[in-house]
Amino acid sequence: MHMAAGVSFLGMIPNQPMKVLCLQTEIDDGYLKERLQELKLDKELLDIGANNFMITPRVQLSFSSEEIDEIKNSLEEKSFKPDIIAIDRVSRKGTYVQWEVDPPG
């Protein structure tokens, strides 16, 4: 929301408010709304950012060419051209690689 309002976030300072698309795959709408309310963001920041921030409802993504086209078409229908696309997590399911570090000596 900060970048959408043109406010510094994690050391990044946008020159102007940016269009932000958040593709979220695991959080349902109720929990997401609750989390956003917990942030207690400034009303002015919310007012500016609201027009520049779009978040998807919970979706399953495999990033197939069909899904990418569907997302692209949906954005075109809404005339929303994001500067930033954020993806929460691809999946909690699946195989993960665990890196092991051998201690020196």
Protein backbone atom coordinates (compact mmCIF):
# COMPACT_ATOMS: atom_id res chain seq x y z
CA MET A 1 0.00 0.00 0.00
CA HIS A 2 2.91 2.35 0.69
CA MET A 3 4.27 2.16 -2.85
CA ALA A 4 0.72 2.60 -4.20
CA ALA A 5 0.49 5.83 -2.21
CA GLY A 6 3.95 6.98 -3.28
CA VAL A 7 5.41 6.57 0.22
CA SER A 8 8.76 5.03 1.13
CA PHE A 9 8.65 1.28 1.82
CA LEU A 10 11.57 -0.91 2.93
CA GLY A 11 14.05 1.73 1.80
CA MET A 12 12.51 2.10 -1.66
CA ILE A 13 11.28 5.60 -2.41
CA PRO A 14 8.95 5.91 -5.41
CA ASN A 15 8.98 9.14 -7.42
CA GLN A 16 5.19 8.99 -7.57
CA PRO A 17 2.38 6.65 -6.52
CA MET A 18 2.76 3.32 -8.30
CA LYS A 19 0.17 0.86 -9.57
CA VAL A 20 0.54 -2.33 -7.51
CA LEU A 21 -1.04 -5.70 -8.28
CA CYS A 22 -0.90 -8.30 -5.54
CA LEU A 23 -1.60 -11.87 -6.61
CA GLN A 24 -2.34 -13.72 -3.42
CA THR A 25 -2.82 -17.44 -3.42
CA GLU A 26 -3.33 -18.50 0.18
CA ILE A 27 -5.20 -15.92 2.23
CA ASP A 28 -8.99 -15.71 2.11
CA ASP A 29 -10.69 -12.32 1.81
CA GLY A 30 -11.83 -12.09 5.46
CA TYR A 31 -8.37 -12.70 6.87
CA LEU A 32 -6.81 -10.33 4.35
CA LYS A 33 -9.21 -7.54 5.33
CA GLU A 34 -8.42 -8.15 9.00
CA ARG A 35 -4.66 -7.97 8.34
CA LEU A 36 -5.00 -4.72 6.39
CA GLN A 37 -7.02 -3.18 9.24
CA GLU A 38 -4.34 -4.24 11.75
CA LEU A 39 -1.78 -2.16 9.84
CA LYS A 40 -3.61 1.00 10.99
CA LEU A 41 -2.49 2.92 7.94
CA ASP A 42 -2.96 6.67 7.74
CA LYS A 43 -6.29 7.61 6.09
CA GLU A 44 -4.55 9.88 3.57
CA LEU A 45 -2.22 7.04 2.58
CA LEU A 46 -5.20 4.70 2.18
CA ASP A 47 -7.14 7.24 0.10
CA ILE A 48 -4.24 7.73 -2.31
CA GLY A 49 -3.24 4.08 -2.41
CA ALA A 50 -6.76 2.69 -2.86
CA ASN A 51 -6.89 3.72 -6.52
CA ASN A 52 -3.45 2.28 -7.23
CA PHE A 53 -3.62 -1.02 -5.34
CA MET A 54 -5.37 -4.12 -6.64
CA ILE A 55 -5.38 -7.43 -4.86
CA THR A 56 -6.81 -10.63 -6.26
CA PRO A 57 -9.14 -12.86 -4.33
CA ARG A 58 -7.59 -16.17 -3.35
CA VAL A 59 -6.49 -17.84 -6.57
CA GLN A 60 -4.60 -20.97 -7.54
CA LEU A 61 -1.72 -20.18 -9.87
CA SER A 62 0.43 -22.49 -11.88
CA PHE A 63 1.59 -19.66 -14.17
CA SER A 64 0.54 -21.48 -17.29
CA SER A 65 0.30 -19.35 -20.41
CA GLU A 66 -3.51 -19.58 -20.17
CA GLU A 67 -3.54 -18.24 -16.60
CA ILE A 68 -1.16 -15.44 -17.48
CA ASP A 69 -3.37 -14.48 -20.43
CA GLU A 70 -6.44 -14.54 -18.17
CA ILE A 71 -4.77 -12.22 -15.65
CA LYS A 72 -3.58 -9.93 -18.44
CA ASN A 73 -7.06 -9.75 -19.99
CA SER A 74 -8.65 -9.03 -16.63
CA LEU A 75 -6.23 -6.15 -16.04
CA GLU A 76 -6.90 -4.76 -19.51
CA GLU A 77 -10.67 -4.86 -18.86
CA LYS A 78 -10.13 -2.83 -15.70
CA SER A 79 -7.62 -0.50 -17.42
CA PHE A 80 -5.13 -1.33 -14.66
CA LYS A 81 -1.49 -1.33 -15.76
CA PRO A 82 0.64 -2.33 -12.77
CA ASP A 83 4.13 -0.99 -12.17
CA ILE A 84 4.71 -3.68 -9.54
CA ILE A 85 3.38 -7.23 -9.41
CA ALA A 86 3.72 -8.90 -6.02
CA ILE A 87 3.08 -12.61 -5.50
CA ASP A 88 2.53 -13.68 -1.90
CA ARG A 89 3.70 -17.29 -2.12
CA VAL A 90 3.50 -19.74 -4.92
CA SER A 91 2.38 -22.60 -2.70
CA ARG A 92 2.68 -24.15 0.70
CA LYS A 93 2.36 -27.51 -0.96
CA GLY A 94 5.05 -29.17 -2.97
CA THR A 95 8.66 -30.09 -2.65
CA TYR A 96 11.11 -27.72 -1.08
CA VAL A 97 14.87 -27.80 -1.21
CA GLN A 98 16.52 -27.39 2.15
CA TRP A 99 20.01 -25.97 1.99
CA GLU A 100 22.53 -27.41 4.37
CA VAL A 101 25.59 -25.51 5.46
CA ASP A 102 28.53 -27.43 6.84
CA PRO A 103 30.13 -25.64 9.77
CA PRO A 104 33.81 -24.78 9.31
CA GLY A 105 36.36 -27.27 10.66
